[in-house]
Amino acid sequence: MERFVEDYQKGRLTERVDIMTAINILMSQGYDEDDLLGEITKVFYVDLDAYNEVMGRH
C-alpha cells in the first residue's frame, strides 16, 4: 500500500504507546521489522529515541 503525505501534513509520533500502535498496525499488514521505520516516517515525524526504545522491547 503506497502512502504519501506532504511534510506539512505530517503529525508527530512521540508517545511510546502511539508508536507501538503504529508498529502493530503495520506488522498486521505484513510489513517486516526492517521496513517499519521507513513506512512510519512516510506519514509521521517520529521520535527516534522513543521508536528505538519501543523496538528494543518488541
C-alpha atoms as a PDB file:
ATOM      1  CA  MET A   1       0.000   0.000   0.000  1.00  0.00           C
ATOM      2  CA  GLU A   2       1.506   3.313  -1.034  1.00  0.00           C
ATOM      3  CA  ARG A   3       1.302   6.148   1.476  1.00  0.00           C
ATOM      4  CA  PHE A   4       2.323   9.677   0.632  1.00  0.00           C
ATOM      5  CA  VAL A   5       1.815  12.712   2.823  1.00  0.00           C
ATOM      6  CA  GLU A   6       3.267  16.164   2.304  1.00  0.00           C
ATOM      7  CA  ASP A   7       5.677  17.198   5.064  1.00  0.00           C
ATOM      8  CA  TYR A   8       3.369  19.958   6.266  1.00  0.00           C
ATOM      9  CA  GLN A   9       0.596  17.367   6.764  1.00  0.00           C
ATOM     10  CA  LYS A  10       2.626  15.002   8.937  1.00  0.00           C
ATOM     11  CA  GLY A  11       1.669  14.537  12.540  1.00  0.00           C
ATOM     12  CA  ARG A  12       4.130  13.909  15.333  1.00  0.00           C
ATOM     13  CA  LEU A  13       4.508  10.445  16.759  1.00  0.00           C
ATOM     14  CA  THR A  14       6.231  10.870  20.114  1.00  0.00           C
ATOM     15  CA  GLU A  15       4.311   8.795  22.649  1.00  0.00           C
ATOM     16  CA  ARG A  16       5.533   5.236  23.030  1.00  0.00           C
ATOM     17  CA  VAL A  17       2.009   3.831  23.059  1.00  0.00           C
ATOM     18  CA  ASP A  18       1.245   5.575  19.756  1.00  0.00           C
ATOM     19  CA  ILE A  19       4.469   4.293  18.216  1.00  0.00           C
ATOM     20  CA  MET A  20       3.630   0.767  19.365  1.00  0.00           C
ATOM     21  CA  THR A  21       0.155   1.085  17.859  1.00  0.00           C
ATOM     22  CA  ALA A  22       1.632   2.164  14.519  1.00  0.00           C
ATOM     23  CA  ILE A  23       4.096  -0.747  14.628  1.00  0.00           C
ATOM     24  CA  ASN A  24       1.338  -3.239  15.404  1.00  0.00           C
ATOM     25  CA  ILE A  25      -0.835  -1.936  12.559  1.00  0.00           C
ATOM     26  CA  LEU A  26       1.988  -2.148  10.034  1.00  0.00           C
ATOM     27  CA  MET A  27       3.024  -5.615  11.183  1.00  0.00           C
ATOM     28  CA  SER A  28      -0.579  -6.805  10.908  1.00  0.00           C
ATOM     29  CA  GLN A  29      -0.478  -5.579   7.308  1.00  0.00           C
ATOM     30  CA  GLY A  30       2.557  -7.756   6.637  1.00  0.00           C
ATOM     31  CA  TYR A  31       5.441  -5.301   6.920  1.00  0.00           C
ATOM     32  CA  ASP A  32       8.758  -6.695   8.147  1.00  0.00           C
ATOM     33  CA  GLU A  33      10.521  -5.189  11.134  1.00  0.00           C
ATOM     34  CA  ASP A  34      13.200  -3.783   8.812  1.00  0.00           C
ATOM     35  CA  ASP A  35      10.590  -1.805   6.852  1.00  0.00           C
ATOM     36  CA  LEU A  36       8.664  -0.306   9.786  1.00  0.00           C
ATOM     37  CA  LEU A  37      10.619   2.912  10.316  1.00  0.00           C
ATOM     38  CA  GLY A  38      10.558   3.762   6.618  1.00  0.00           C
ATOM     39  CA  GLU A  39       6.808   3.251   6.448  1.00  0.00           C
ATOM     40  CA  ILE A  40       6.052   5.154   9.658  1.00  0.00           C
ATOM     41  CA  THR A  41       8.165   8.140   8.621  1.00  0.00           C
ATOM     42  CA  LYS A  42       6.207   8.453   5.378  1.00  0.00           C
ATOM     43  CA  VAL A  43       3.232   9.539   7.472  1.00  0.00           C
ATOM     44  CA  PHE A  44       4.657  10.870  10.774  1.00  0.00           C
ATOM     45  CA  TYR A  45       7.579  12.687  12.276  1.00  0.00           C
ATOM     46  CA  VAL A  46       8.826  10.037  14.707  1.00  0.00           C
ATOM     47  CA  ASP A  47      10.727  10.496  17.971  1.00  0.00           C
ATOM     48  CA  LEU A  48      13.587   8.149  17.103  1.00  0.00           C
ATOM     49  CA  ASP A  49      14.686   7.645  20.706  1.00  0.00           C
ATOM     50  CA  ALA A  50      11.186   6.517  21.636  1.00  0.00           C
ATOM     51  CA  TYR A  51      10.969   4.354  18.499  1.00  0.00           C
ATOM     52  CA  ASN A  52      14.258   2.621  19.315  1.00  0.00           C
ATOM     53  CA  GLU A  53      13.155   2.060  22.894  1.00  0.00           C
ATOM     54  CA  VAL A  54       9.878   0.505  21.728  1.00  0.00           C
ATOM     55  CA  MET A  55      11.671  -1.686  19.186  1.00  0.00           C
ATOM     56  CA  GLY A  56      14.142  -2.810  21.851  1.00  0.00           C
ATOM     57  CA  ARG A  57      11.228  -4.118  23.900  1.00  0.00           C
ATOM     58  CA  HIS A  58       9.287  -5.550  20.951  1.00  0.00           C
END
